[in-house]
Amino acid sequence: MSFFFKPSKPKTPQELAKAIRDSLNALDTKTIVEVNALKKALEEVEKNFAIMRVMLSGDGEVEPNPDQITQLTLEICKEDGLTLLMDKLPLLKWEARKDLVHCWTILMRQQVGSTFCCVQYIENHLEFLDFLVVGYDNKDIALTCGSMLRECIRVPTLAKYVLESPSFEIFFKYVELPNFDVASDAFSTFKDLLTKHETVVAEFLTTHYDEFFERYETLLTSRNYVTRRQSLKLLSEFLLELPNPHVMKRYIAEVRHLKVMMTLLKDSSKNIQISAFHVFKVFVANPNKPQEIKLILAKNHEKLLELLHNLSAGKGSDDDQFEEEKELIIKEIERISRLLNLET
């Protein structure tokens, strides 16, 4: 005997948004303490998130409907739906969090008329970003929060908020967390904050120069090899490529920063030596070097020249260009040393 079941009618965007809100609200205090009730509520959330994913990106056979995407985006932003997602995020299972990250990318990039309504919502609820940052403290949701945060900081106004908020300071701790996956993810977010929006970063560093570089020095001198290497490489990316050269000029005029680079030139890692050289050479090549910088170079010229003569380009590097730059730096250090010796 055959039984035929009529398939359930697909939910409209309005119905789906309501179902998502209802299933998330079901994760209340009473549900959480009752094992079976919690299991059932989480299954309902997971089912609704899977439907949302299909509505936003299709199922591989049927393309998503643009009108449905637009409507669902508007509905999710209504009645603090995004805030509800954040409130319940620590309770969600892995599959639901994976679908949420996928949908989050689409929602954040969805333009309705002339407005990116999810972006606008977050601009009006900036505490949302603070929640995502401190999410790194919870290893269960750290990577989910990191993915969602990186999507947010693609927007200059949201990146600016994170940079200037007290939450940004915590990244200097997160990038050295003992959990490698979480620390690596935090560094990816940290890097995006300092490289995605050059003008925003230049303004931030100009205003917060002293406190930022004081903290950044702790990363460059970290006992952790990965931290030293990543931080040094990142320094050259955001410092030497800023549209406003004021920050770089100030940095390469300070003896304390030169001393850090000289120490890194002696690092046991060749990769760190090479990266340190690319920042160190800017101090030496600066045509307006302060007298204090010249004195340090002259005083240490023998050790510096020995280090540089023994330094060779890493694999995959342009050997000819590296050797040419190195020769110019060597000659400049020798010139400074001769001039200062003549003066004394």
C-alpha atoms as a PDB file:
ATOM      1  CA  MET A   1       0.000   0.000   0.000  1.00  0.00           C
ATOM      2  CA  SER A   2       1.428   3.334  -0.982  1.00  0.00           C
ATOM      3  CA  PHE A   3       1.188   6.507   0.986  1.00  0.00           C
ATOM      4  CA  PHE A   4       1.660   9.878  -0.601  1.00  0.00           C
ATOM      5  CA  PHE A   5       2.570  12.838   1.526  1.00  0.00           C
ATOM      6  CA  LYS A   6       1.876  16.298   0.306  1.00  0.00           C
ATOM      7  CA  PRO A   7       5.100  18.318   0.610  1.00  0.00           C
ATOM      8  CA  SER A   8       4.912  21.235   2.995  1.00  0.00           C
ATOM      9  CA  LYS A   9       4.352  24.603   1.405  1.00  0.00           C
ATOM     10  CA  PRO A  10       7.580  26.645   1.149  1.00  0.00           C
ATOM     11  CA  LYS A  11       7.760  29.466   3.644  1.00  0.00           C
ATOM     12  CA  THR A  12       7.559  33.034   2.458  1.00  0.00           C
ATOM     13  CA  PRO A  13      10.385  35.381   3.572  1.00  0.00           C
ATOM     14  CA  GLN A  14       8.050  36.882   6.182  1.00  0.00           C
ATOM     15  CA  GLU A  15       7.112  33.436   7.508  1.00  0.00           C
ATOM     16  CA  LEU A  16      10.711  32.287   7.575  1.00  0.00           C
ATOM     17  CA  ALA A  17      11.907  35.390   9.425  1.00  0.00           C
ATOM     18  CA  LYS A  18       9.147  34.873  12.003  1.00  0.00           C
ATOM     19  CA  ALA A  19      10.011  31.176  12.317  1.00  0.00           C
ATOM     20  CA  ILE A  20      13.681  32.055  12.885  1.00  0.00           C
ATOM     21  CA  ARG A  21      12.764  34.577  15.581  1.00  0.00           C
ATOM     22  CA  ASP A  22      10.345  32.165  17.261  1.00  0.00           C
ATOM     23  CA  SER A  23      12.843  29.290  17.293  1.00  0.00           C
ATOM     24  CA  LEU A  24      15.578  31.514  18.704  1.00  0.00           C
ATOM     25  CA  ASN A  25      13.231  32.903  21.355  1.00  0.00           C
ATOM     26  CA  ALA A  26      12.433  29.313  22.308  1.00  0.00           C
ATOM     27  CA  LEU A  27      16.004  29.038  23.571  1.00  0.00           C
ATOM     28  CA  ASP A  28      14.931  30.634  26.838  1.00  0.00           C
ATOM     29  CA  THR A  29      16.013  29.969  30.408  1.00  0.00           C
ATOM     30  CA  LYS A  30      13.409  27.269  30.923  1.00  0.00           C
ATOM     31  CA  THR A  31      14.377  25.407  27.735  1.00  0.00           C
ATOM     32  CA  ILE A  32      18.094  25.508  28.457  1.00  0.00           C
ATOM     33  CA  VAL A  33      17.783  23.578  31.745  1.00  0.00           C
ATOM     34  CA  GLU A  34      15.645  20.841  30.179  1.00  0.00           C
ATOM     35  CA  VAL A  35      17.743  18.552  27.971  1.00  0.00           C
ATOM     36  CA  ASN A  36      15.033  17.261  25.628  1.00  0.00           C
ATOM     37  CA  ALA A  37      13.420  20.678  25.240  1.00  0.00           C
ATOM     38  CA  LEU A  38      16.798  22.244  24.405  1.00  0.00           C
ATOM     39  CA  LYS A  39      17.567  19.531  21.853  1.00  0.00           C
ATOM     40  CA  LYS A  40      14.232  20.057  20.124  1.00  0.00           C
ATOM     41  CA  ALA A  41      14.612  23.861  20.123  1.00  0.00           C
ATOM     42  CA  LEU A  42      18.113  23.663  18.654  1.00  0.00           C
ATOM     43  CA  GLU A  43      16.900  21.299  15.926  1.00  0.00           C
ATOM     44  CA  GLU A  44      14.209  23.820  15.007  1.00  0.00           C
ATOM     45  CA  VAL A  45      16.788  26.638  14.795  1.00  0.00           C
ATOM     46  CA  GLU A  46      19.043  24.461  12.651  1.00  0.00           C
ATOM     47  CA  LYS A  47      16.146  23.614  10.301  1.00  0.00           C
ATOM     48  CA  ASN A  48      15.200  27.280   9.897  1.00  0.00           C
ATOM     49  CA  PHE A  49      18.798  28.337   9.262  1.00  0.00           C
ATOM     50  CA  ALA A  50      19.096  25.652   6.561  1.00  0.00           C
ATOM     51  CA  ILE A  51      15.956  27.006   4.885  1.00  0.00           C
ATOM     52  CA  MET A  52      17.351  30.540   5.129  1.00  0.00           C
ATOM     53  CA  ARG A  53      20.562  29.403   3.456  1.00  0.00           C
ATOM     54  CA  VAL A  54      18.653  27.898   0.527  1.00  0.00           C
ATOM     55  CA  MET A  55      16.462  30.994   0.168  1.00  0.00           C
ATOM     56  CA  LEU A  56      19.533  33.246   0.065  1.00  0.00           C
ATOM     57  CA  SER A  57      21.853  31.188  -2.120  1.00  0.00           C
ATOM     58  CA  GLY A  58      19.833  28.456  -3.815  1.00  0.00           C
ATOM     59  CA  ASP A  59      20.230  24.693  -3.551  1.00  0.00           C
ATOM     60  CA  GLY A  60      22.520  24.010  -6.496  1.00  0.00           C
ATOM     61  CA  GLU A  61      19.627  23.294  -8.833  1.00  0.00           C
ATOM     62  CA  VAL A  62      17.314  26.262  -8.338  1.00  0.00           C
ATOM     63  CA  GLU A  63      18.701  29.797  -8.301  1.00  0.00           C
ATOM     64  CA  PRO A  64      17.649  32.094  -5.443  1.00  0.00           C
ATOM     65  CA  ASN A  65      14.836  34.564  -6.071  1.00  0.00           C
ATOM     66  CA  PRO A  66      16.172  38.163  -5.820  1.00  0.00           C
ATOM     67  CA  ASP A  67      12.820  39.461  -4.533  1.00  0.00           C
ATOM     68  CA  GLN A  68      12.783  36.853  -1.769  1.00  0.00           C
ATOM     69  CA  ILE A  69      16.367  37.726  -0.797  1.00  0.00           C
ATOM     70  CA  THR A  70      15.428  41.399  -0.564  1.00  0.00           C
ATOM     71  CA  GLN A  71      12.318  40.687   1.491  1.00  0.00           C
ATOM     72  CA  LEU A  72      14.078  38.274   3.827  1.00  0.00           C
ATOM     73  CA  THR A  73      16.868  40.797   4.410  1.00  0.00           C
ATOM     74  CA  LEU A  74      14.320  43.442   5.377  1.00  0.00           C
ATOM     75  CA  GLU A  75      12.450  41.037   7.647  1.00  0.00           C
ATOM     76  CA  ILE A  76      15.620  39.847   9.420  1.00  0.00           C
ATOM     77  CA  CYS A  77      16.470  43.463  10.230  1.00  0.00           C
ATOM     78  CA  LYS A  78      13.029  44.079  11.696  1.00  0.00           C
ATOM     79  CA  GLU A  79      12.238  43.731  15.384  1.00  0.00           C
ATOM     80  CA  ASP A  80      15.891  43.394  16.369  1.00  0.00           C
ATOM     81  CA  GLY A  81      16.289  40.086  14.565  1.00  0.00           C
ATOM     82  CA  LEU A  82      20.058  40.556  14.260  1.00  0.00           C
ATOM     83  CA  THR A  83      20.405  41.257  17.970  1.00  0.00           C
ATOM     84  CA  LEU A  84      18.476  38.066  18.717  1.00  0.00           C
ATOM     85  CA  LEU A  85      20.943  36.130  16.543  1.00  0.00           C
ATOM     86  CA  MET A  86      23.816  37.446  18.653  1.00  0.00           C
ATOM     87  CA  ASP A  87      22.096  36.799  21.974  1.00  0.00           C
ATOM     88  CA  LYS A  88      21.563  33.128  21.134  1.00  0.00           C
ATOM     89  CA  LEU A  89      24.801  32.502  19.218  1.00  0.00           C
ATOM     90  CA  PRO A  90      26.638  30.828  22.145  1.00  0.00           C
ATOM     91  CA  LEU A  91      23.862  28.214  22.355  1.00  0.00           C
ATOM     92  CA  LEU A  92      23.881  27.210  18.687  1.00  0.00           C
ATOM     93  CA  LYS A  93      25.381  23.977  17.396  1.00  0.00           C
ATOM     94  CA  TRP A  94      28.149  23.786  14.787  1.00  0.00           C
ATOM     95  CA  GLU A  95      25.880  23.213  11.763  1.00  0.00           C
ATOM     96  CA  ALA A  96      23.664  26.174  12.637  1.00  0.00           C
ATOM     97  CA  ARG A  97      26.695  28.436  13.158  1.00  0.00           C
ATOM     98  CA  LYS A  98      28.114  27.351   9.790  1.00  0.00           C
ATOM     99  CA  ASP A  99      24.855  28.231   8.015  1.00  0.00           C
ATOM    100  CA  LEU A 100      24.682  31.516   9.903  1.00  0.00           C
ATOM    101  CA  VAL A 101      28.145  32.573   8.699  1.00  0.00           C
ATOM    102  CA  HIS A 102      27.205  31.696   5.110  1.00  0.00           C
ATOM    103  CA  CYS A 103      23.961  33.686   5.320  1.00  0.00           C
ATOM    104  CA  TRP A 104      25.624  36.565   7.138  1.00  0.00           C
ATOM    105  CA  THR A 105      27.895  37.272   4.173  1.00  0.00           C
ATOM    106  CA  ILE A 106      24.928  37.501   1.826  1.00  0.00           C
ATOM    107  CA  LEU A 107      22.804  39.596   4.185  1.00  0.00           C
ATOM    108  CA  MET A 108      25.575  42.116   4.833  1.00  0.00           C
ATOM    109  CA  ARG A 109      26.134  42.632   1.096  1.00  0.00           C
ATOM    110  CA  GLN A 110      22.454  42.823   0.168  1.00  0.00           C
ATOM    111  CA  GLN A 111      21.413  46.264  -1.010  1.00  0.00           C
ATOM    112  CA  VAL A 112      17.757  47.199  -0.720  1.00  0.00           C
ATOM    113  CA  GLY A 113      17.160  50.279  -2.818  1.00  0.00           C
ATOM    114  CA  SER A 114      19.988  52.625  -1.927  1.00  0.00           C
ATOM    115  CA  THR A 115      20.566  51.108   1.520  1.00  0.00           C
ATOM    116  CA  PHE A 116      22.501  48.171   2.877  1.00  0.00           C
ATOM    117  CA  CYS A 117      19.986  47.628   5.637  1.00  0.00           C
ATOM    118  CA  CYS A 118      22.044  45.139   7.700  1.00  0.00           C
ATOM    119  CA  VAL A 119      24.972  47.548   7.651  1.00  0.00           C
ATOM    120  CA  GLN A 120      22.638  50.377   8.634  1.00  0.00           C
ATOM    121  CA  TYR A 121      21.255  48.273  11.481  1.00  0.00           C
ATOM    122  CA  ILE A 122      24.727  47.625  12.867  1.00  0.00           C
ATOM    123  CA  GLU A 123      25.680  51.285  12.511  1.00  0.00           C
ATOM    124  CA  ASN A 124      22.726  51.973  14.812  1.00  0.00           C
ATOM    125  CA  HIS A 125      23.670  49.132  17.189  1.00  0.00           C
ATOM    126  CA  LEU A 126      27.462  49.340  17.395  1.00  0.00           C
ATOM    127  CA  GLU A 127      27.532  47.236  20.555  1.00  0.00           C
ATOM    128  CA  PHE A 128      26.952  44.383  18.107  1.00  0.00           C
ATOM    129  CA  LEU A 129      30.581  44.762  16.976  1.00  0.00           C
ATOM    130  CA  ASP A 130      31.869  44.719  20.554  1.00  0.00           C
ATOM    131  CA  PHE A 131      30.022  41.444  21.063  1.00  0.00           C
ATOM    132  CA  LEU A 132      31.733  39.908  18.031  1.00  0.00           C
ATOM    133  CA  VAL A 133      35.160  41.051  19.212  1.00  0.00           C
ATOM    134  CA  VAL A 134      34.842  39.617  22.724  1.00  0.00           C
ATOM    135  CA  GLY A 135      33.477  36.449  21.125  1.00  0.00           C
ATOM    136  CA  TYR A 136      37.124  35.430  20.738  1.00  0.00           C
ATOM    137  CA  ASP A 137      37.092  34.730  24.489  1.00  0.00           C
ATOM    138  CA  ASN A 138      34.722  31.824  23.870  1.00  0.00           C
ATOM    139  CA  LYS A 139      36.537  29.157  21.861  1.00  0.00           C
ATOM    140  CA  ASP A 140      33.219  27.554  20.822  1.00  0.00           C
ATOM    141  CA  ILE A 141      32.049  30.631  18.913  1.00  0.00           C
ATOM    142  CA  ALA A 142      35.400  32.387  18.330  1.00  0.00           C
ATOM    143  CA  LEU A 143      35.766  31.412  14.673  1.00  0.00           C
ATOM    144  CA  THR A 144      32.110  32.188  13.936  1.00  0.00           C
ATOM    145  CA  CYS A 145      32.448  35.627  15.500  1.00  0.00           C
ATOM    146  CA  GLY A 146      35.707  36.200  13.610  1.00  0.00           C
ATOM    147  CA  SER A 147      34.131  35.406  10.241  1.00  0.00           C
ATOM    148  CA  MET A 148      31.151  37.648  10.942  1.00  0.00           C
ATOM    149  CA  LEU A 149      33.353  40.461  12.233  1.00  0.00           C
ATOM    150  CA  ARG A 150      35.597  40.391   9.146  1.00  0.00           C
ATOM    151  CA  GLU A 151      32.489  40.714   6.993  1.00  0.00           C
ATOM    152  CA  CYS A 152      31.417  43.738   9.045  1.00  0.00           C
ATOM    153  CA  ILE A 153      34.757  45.525   8.819  1.00  0.00           C
ATOM    154  CA  ARG A 154      34.656  45.448   5.036  1.00  0.00           C
ATOM    155  CA  VAL A 155      32.563  48.582   5.661  1.00  0.00           C
ATOM    156  CA  PRO A 156      34.777  51.617   6.462  1.00  0.00           C
ATOM    157  CA  THR A 157      32.447  53.068   9.122  1.00  0.00           C
ATOM    158  CA  LEU A 158      32.309  49.756  10.996  1.00  0.00           C
ATOM    159  CA  ALA A 159      36.076  49.234  10.753  1.00  0.00           C
ATOM    160  CA  LYS A 160      36.602  52.756  12.093  1.00  0.00           C
ATOM    161  CA  TYR A 161      34.388  52.026  15.086  1.00  0.00           C
ATOM    162  CA  VAL A 162      36.280  48.835  15.986  1.00  0.00           C
ATOM    163  CA  LEU A 163      39.665  50.541  15.626  1.00  0.00           C
ATOM    164  CA  GLU A 164      38.670  53.389  17.910  1.00  0.00           C
ATOM    165  CA  SER A 165      36.753  51.339  20.476  1.00  0.00           C
ATOM    166  CA  PRO A 166      38.286  49.928  23.686  1.00  0.00           C
ATOM    167  CA  SER A 167      37.606  46.479  22.215  1.00  0.00           C
ATOM    168  CA  PHE A 168      40.438  46.936  19.717  1.00  0.00           C
ATOM    169  CA  GLU A 169      43.031  46.795  22.490  1.00  0.00           C
ATOM    170  CA  ILE A 170      42.008  43.212  23.255  1.00  0.00           C
ATOM    171  CA  PHE A 171      43.364  42.058  19.877  1.00  0.00           C
ATOM    172  CA  PHE A 172      46.888  42.404  21.243  1.00  0.00           C
ATOM    173  CA  LYS A 173      45.944  39.614  23.656  1.00  0.00           C
ATOM    174  CA  TYR A 174      43.895  37.552  21.242  1.00  0.00           C
ATOM    175  CA  VAL A 175      46.654  37.192  18.634  1.00  0.00           C
ATOM    176  CA  GLU A 176      48.768  35.413  21.255  1.00  0.00           C
ATOM    177  CA  LEU A 177      46.108  33.097  22.673  1.00  0.00           C
ATOM    178  CA  PRO A 178      47.385  29.534  23.283  1.00  0.00           C
ATOM    179  CA  ASN A 179      44.704  28.098  20.985  1.00  0.00           C
ATOM    180  CA  PHE A 180      46.432  28.310  17.577  1.00  0.00           C
ATOM    181  CA  ASP A 181      43.241  28.319  15.492  1.00  0.00           C
ATOM    182  CA  VAL A 182      41.671  31.134  17.504  1.00  0.00           C
ATOM    183  CA  ALA A 183      44.908  33.158  17.607  1.00  0.00           C
ATOM    184  CA  SER A 184      45.337  32.785  13.825  1.00  0.00           C
ATOM    185  CA  ASP A 185      41.755  33.836  13.180  1.00  0.00           C
ATOM    186  CA  ALA A 186      42.148  36.845  15.491  1.00  0.00           C
ATOM    187  CA  PHE A 187      45.298  37.859  13.632  1.00  0.00           C
ATOM    188  CA  SER A 188      43.421  37.661  10.311  1.00  0.00           C
ATOM    189  CA  THR A 189      40.837  40.077  11.693  1.00  0.00           C
ATOM    190  CA  PHE A 190      43.568  42.292  13.183  1.00  0.00           C
ATOM    191  CA  LYS A 191      45.270  42.393   9.781  1.00  0.00           C
ATOM    192  CA  ASP A 192      42.057  43.315   7.981  1.00  0.00           C
ATOM    193  CA  LEU A 193      41.475  46.158  10.425  1.00  0.00           C
ATOM    194  CA  LEU A 194      44.912  47.586   9.617  1.00  0.00           C
ATOM    195  CA  THR A 195      44.953  47.039   5.844  1.00  0.00           C
ATOM    196  CA  LYS A 196      41.444  47.144   4.359  1.00  0.00           C
ATOM    197  CA  HIS A 197      40.840  50.892   4.596  1.00  0.00           C
ATOM    198  CA  GLU A 198      44.060  52.867   4.235  1.00  0.00           C
ATOM    199  CA  THR A 199      42.605  56.313   4.908  1.00  0.00           C
ATOM    200  CA  VAL A 200      40.756  55.135   8.022  1.00  0.00           C
ATOM    201  CA  VAL A 201      43.930  53.456   9.309  1.00  0.00           C
ATOM    202  CA  ALA A 202      46.085  56.509   8.595  1.00  0.00           C
ATOM    203  CA  GLU A 203      43.685  58.706  10.567  1.00  0.00           C
ATOM    204  CA  PHE A 204      43.557  56.209  13.422  1.00  0.00           C
ATOM    205  CA  LEU A 205      47.346  55.887  13.677  1.00  0.00           C
ATOM    206  CA  THR A 206      47.810  59.647  13.534  1.00  0.00           C
ATOM    207  CA  THR A 207      45.422  60.112  16.462  1.00  0.00           C
ATOM    208  CA  HIS A 208      46.498  57.091  18.521  1.00  0.00           C
ATOM    209  CA  TYR A 209      50.145  56.882  17.492  1.00  0.00           C
ATOM    210  CA  ASP A 210      51.861  56.499  20.874  1.00  0.00           C
ATOM    211  CA  GLU A 211      49.536  53.975  22.485  1.00  0.00           C
ATOM    212  CA  PHE A 212      49.249  51.860  19.328  1.00  0.00           C
ATOM    213  CA  PHE A 213      52.959  51.489  18.641  1.00  0.00           C
ATOM    214  CA  GLU A 214      53.738  50.927  22.301  1.00  0.00           C
ATOM    215  CA  ARG A 215      51.427  47.923  22.215  1.00  0.00           C
ATOM    216  CA  TYR A 216      52.603  46.838  18.776  1.00  0.00           C
ATOM    217  CA  GLU A 217      56.178  46.649  20.036  1.00  0.00           C
ATOM    218  CA  THR A 218      55.091  43.872  22.411  1.00  0.00           C
ATOM    219  CA  LEU A 219      54.111  41.798  19.362  1.00  0.00           C
ATOM    220  CA  LEU A 220      57.375  42.484  17.539  1.00  0.00           C
ATOM    221  CA  THR A 221      59.363  41.393  20.602  1.00  0.00           C
ATOM    222  CA  SER A 222      57.107  38.466  21.536  1.00  0.00           C
ATOM    223  CA  ARG A 223      58.660  35.143  22.527  1.00  0.00           C
ATOM    224  CA  ASN A 224      56.300  33.504  20.063  1.00  0.00           C
ATOM    225  CA  TYR A 225      57.970  33.080  16.668  1.00  0.00           C
ATOM    226  CA  VAL A 226      54.694  33.141  14.728  1.00  0.00           C
ATOM    227  CA  THR A 227      53.637  36.374  16.443  1.00  0.00           C
ATOM    228  CA  ARG A 228      56.982  38.058  15.698  1.00  0.00           C
ATOM    229  CA  ARG A 229      56.965  37.002  12.065  1.00  0.00           C
ATOM    230  CA  GLN A 230      53.323  37.873  11.339  1.00  0.00           C
ATOM    231  CA  SER A 231      53.511  41.208  13.167  1.00  0.00           C
ATOM    232  CA  LEU A 232      56.681  42.257  11.386  1.00  0.00           C
ATOM    233  CA  LYS A 233      55.272  41.387   7.976  1.00  0.00           C
ATOM    234  CA  LEU A 234      52.033  43.220   8.795  1.00  0.00           C
ATOM    235  CA  LEU A 235      53.960  46.278   9.995  1.00  0.00           C
ATOM    236  CA  SER A 236      55.610  46.696   6.613  1.00  0.00           C
ATOM    237  CA  GLU A 237      52.246  46.292   4.861  1.00  0.00           C
ATOM    238  CA  PHE A 238      50.270  48.932   6.728  1.00  0.00           C
ATOM    239  CA  LEU A 239      53.120  51.298   7.625  1.00  0.00           C
ATOM    240  CA  LEU A 240      54.900  51.587   4.294  1.00  0.00           C
ATOM    241  CA  GLU A 241      51.761  51.680   2.143  1.00  0.00           C
ATOM    242  CA  LEU A 242      49.651  54.291   3.939  1.00  0.00           C
ATOM    243  CA  PRO A 243      48.336  57.091   1.715  1.00  0.00           C
ATOM    244  CA  ASN A 244      49.407  59.558   4.412  1.00  0.00           C
ATOM    245  CA  PRO A 245      53.213  59.254   4.844  1.00  0.00           C
ATOM    246  CA  HIS A 246      53.148  61.250   8.081  1.00  0.00           C
ATOM    247  CA  VAL A 247      52.896  58.144  10.272  1.00  0.00           C
ATOM    248  CA  MET A 248      55.772  56.388   8.517  1.00  0.00           C
ATOM    249  CA  LYS A 249      57.981  59.496   8.716  1.00  0.00           C
ATOM    250  CA  ARG A 250      57.354  59.739  12.438  1.00  0.00           C
ATOM    251  CA  TYR A 251      57.997  56.029  12.979  1.00  0.00           C
ATOM    252  CA  ILE A 252      61.347  55.954  11.170  1.00  0.00           C
ATOM    253  CA  ALA A 253      62.534  59.043  13.045  1.00  0.00           C
ATOM    254  CA  GLU A 254      62.371  57.329  16.453  1.00  0.00           C
ATOM    255  CA  VAL A 255      65.358  55.512  17.924  1.00  0.00           C
ATOM    256  CA  ARG A 256      63.253  53.028  19.925  1.00  0.00           C
ATOM    257  CA  HIS A 257      61.756  51.617  16.717  1.00  0.00           C
ATOM    258  CA  LEU A 258      65.146  51.429  15.030  1.00  0.00           C
ATOM    259  CA  LYS A 259      66.517  49.435  17.976  1.00  0.00           C
ATOM    260  CA  VAL A 260      63.674  46.915  17.655  1.00  0.00           C
ATOM    261  CA  MET A 261      64.488  46.397  13.959  1.00  0.00           C
ATOM    262  CA  MET A 262      68.187  46.018  14.724  1.00  0.00           C
ATOM    263  CA  THR A 263      67.339  43.332  17.283  1.00  0.00           C
ATOM    264  CA  LEU A 264      65.135  41.535  14.767  1.00  0.00           C
ATOM    265  CA  LEU A 265      67.970  41.601  12.227  1.00  0.00           C
ATOM    266  CA  LYS A 266      69.777  39.272  14.672  1.00  0.00           C
ATOM    267  CA  ASP A 267      66.806  36.920  15.069  1.00  0.00           C
ATOM    268  CA  SER A 268      67.525  33.210  14.725  1.00  0.00           C
ATOM    269  CA  SER A 269      64.908  33.001  11.952  1.00  0.00           C
ATOM    270  CA  LYS A 270      66.063  33.977   8.478  1.00  0.00           C
ATOM    271  CA  ASN A 271      62.502  34.871   7.511  1.00  0.00           C
ATOM    272  CA  ILE A 272      62.308  37.384  10.338  1.00  0.00           C
ATOM    273  CA  GLN A 273      65.727  38.786   9.415  1.00  0.00           C
ATOM    274  CA  ILE A 274      64.549  39.391   5.845  1.00  0.00           C
ATOM    275  CA  SER A 275      61.299  41.026   6.961  1.00  0.00           C
ATOM    276  CA  ALA A 276      63.188  43.176   9.476  1.00  0.00           C
ATOM    277  CA  PHE A 277      65.562  44.311   6.745  1.00  0.00           C
ATOM    278  CA  HIS A 278      62.688  45.653   4.634  1.00  0.00           C
ATOM    279  CA  VAL A 279      61.636  47.929   7.499  1.00  0.00           C
ATOM    280  CA  PHE A 280      65.187  48.676   8.674  1.00  0.00           C
ATOM    281  CA  LYS A 281      66.222  49.901   5.217  1.00  0.00           C
ATOM    282  CA  VAL A 282      63.617  52.678   5.427  1.00  0.00           C
ATOM    283  CA  PHE A 283      65.299  54.058   8.559  1.00  0.00           C
ATOM    284  CA  VAL A 284      68.675  54.073   6.792  1.00  0.00           C
ATOM    285  CA  ALA A 285      67.454  55.380   3.423  1.00  0.00           C
ATOM    286  CA  ASN A 286      65.516  58.245   5.026  1.00  0.00           C
ATOM    287  CA  PRO A 287      67.119  61.440   3.626  1.00  0.00           C
ATOM    288  CA  ASN A 288      66.017  63.373   6.730  1.00  0.00           C
ATOM    289  CA  LYS A 289      67.415  61.077   9.414  1.00  0.00           C
ATOM    290  CA  PRO A 290      67.541  62.711  12.857  1.00  0.00           C
ATOM    291  CA  GLN A 291      70.984  62.955  14.448  1.00  0.00           C
ATOM    292  CA  GLU A 292      70.024  60.340  17.054  1.00  0.00           C
ATOM    293  CA  ILE A 293      69.339  57.808  14.311  1.00  0.00           C
ATOM    294  CA  LYS A 294      72.679  58.552  12.634  1.00  0.00           C
ATOM    295  CA  LEU A 295      74.523  58.116  15.937  1.00  0.00           C
ATOM    296  CA  ILE A 296      72.957  54.693  16.560  1.00  0.00           C
ATOM    297  CA  LEU A 297      73.825  53.528  13.034  1.00  0.00           C
ATOM    298  CA  ALA A 298      77.392  54.803  13.341  1.00  0.00           C
ATOM    299  CA  LYS A 299      77.915  53.342  16.794  1.00  0.00           C
ATOM    300  CA  ASN A 300      76.745  49.895  15.656  1.00  0.00           C
ATOM    301  CA  HIS A 301      78.006  50.031  12.087  1.00  0.00           C
ATOM    302  CA  GLU A 302      80.461  47.109  12.379  1.00  0.00           C
ATOM    303  CA  LYS A 303      77.849  44.683  13.711  1.00  0.00           C
ATOM    304  CA  LEU A 304      75.249  45.954  11.258  1.00  0.00           C
ATOM    305  CA  LEU A 305      77.547  45.559   8.285  1.00  0.00           C
ATOM    306  CA  GLU A 306      78.438  42.034   9.346  1.00  0.00           C
ATOM    307  CA  LEU A 307      74.765  41.127   9.653  1.00  0.00           C
ATOM    308  CA  LEU A 308      73.927  42.640   6.275  1.00  0.00           C
ATOM    309  CA  HIS A 309      76.836  40.997   4.452  1.00  0.00           C
ATOM    310  CA  ASN A 310      75.631  37.613   5.723  1.00  0.00           C
ATOM    311  CA  LEU A 311      71.997  38.291   4.830  1.00  0.00           C
ATOM    312  CA  SER A 312      70.638  36.750   1.633  1.00  0.00           C
ATOM    313  CA  ALA A 313      67.229  36.804  -0.017  1.00  0.00           C
ATOM    314  CA  GLY A 314      64.777  34.086   0.879  1.00  0.00           C
ATOM    315  CA  LYS A 315      63.351  31.535  -1.530  1.00  0.00           C
ATOM    316  CA  GLY A 316      61.092  33.012  -4.158  1.00  0.00           C
ATOM    317  CA  SER A 317      62.529  36.486  -3.669  1.00  0.00           C
ATOM    318  CA  ASP A 318      64.082  38.726  -6.290  1.00  0.00           C
ATOM    319  CA  ASP A 319      67.782  38.129  -5.511  1.00  0.00           C
ATOM    320  CA  ASP A 320      69.041  40.916  -7.767  1.00  0.00           C
ATOM    321  CA  GLN A 321      66.753  43.573  -6.309  1.00  0.00           C
ATOM    322  CA  PHE A 322      67.461  42.441  -2.755  1.00  0.00           C
ATOM    323  CA  GLU A 323      71.222  42.526  -3.281  1.00  0.00           C
ATOM    324  CA  GLU A 324      70.981  45.946  -4.900  1.00  0.00           C
ATOM    325  CA  GLU A 325      68.986  47.338  -1.980  1.00  0.00           C
ATOM    326  CA  LYS A 326      71.304  45.728   0.534  1.00  0.00           C
ATOM    327  CA  GLU A 327      74.358  47.235  -1.148  1.00  0.00           C
ATOM    328  CA  LEU A 328      72.819  50.706  -1.046  1.00  0.00           C
ATOM    329  CA  ILE A 329      72.045  50.350   2.669  1.00  0.00           C
ATOM    330  CA  ILE A 330      75.558  49.110   3.397  1.00  0.00           C
ATOM    331  CA  LYS A 331      77.076  52.081   1.574  1.00  0.00           C
ATOM    332  CA  GLU A 332      74.808  54.510   3.427  1.00  0.00           C
ATOM    333  CA  ILE A 333      75.778  53.076   6.827  1.00  0.00           C
ATOM    334  CA  GLU A 334      79.458  53.302   5.853  1.00  0.00           C
ATOM    335  CA  ARG A 335      78.974  56.895   4.710  1.00  0.00           C
ATOM    336  CA  ILE A 336      77.267  57.913   7.962  1.00  0.00           C
ATOM    337  CA  SER A 337      79.973  56.225  10.014  1.00  0.00           C
ATOM    338  CA  ARG A 338      82.763  58.039   8.113  1.00  0.00           C
ATOM    339  CA  LEU A 339      81.060  61.421   8.419  1.00  0.00           C
ATOM    340  CA  LEU A 340      80.461  61.102  12.156  1.00  0.00           C
ATOM    341  CA  ASN A 341      84.012  59.892  12.737  1.00  0.00           C
ATOM    342  CA  LEU A 342      85.325  62.945  10.887  1.00  0.00           C
ATOM    343  CA  GLU A 343      83.162  65.209  13.030  1.00  0.00           C
ATOM    344  CA  THR A 344      84.580  63.721  16.217  1.00  0.00           C
END
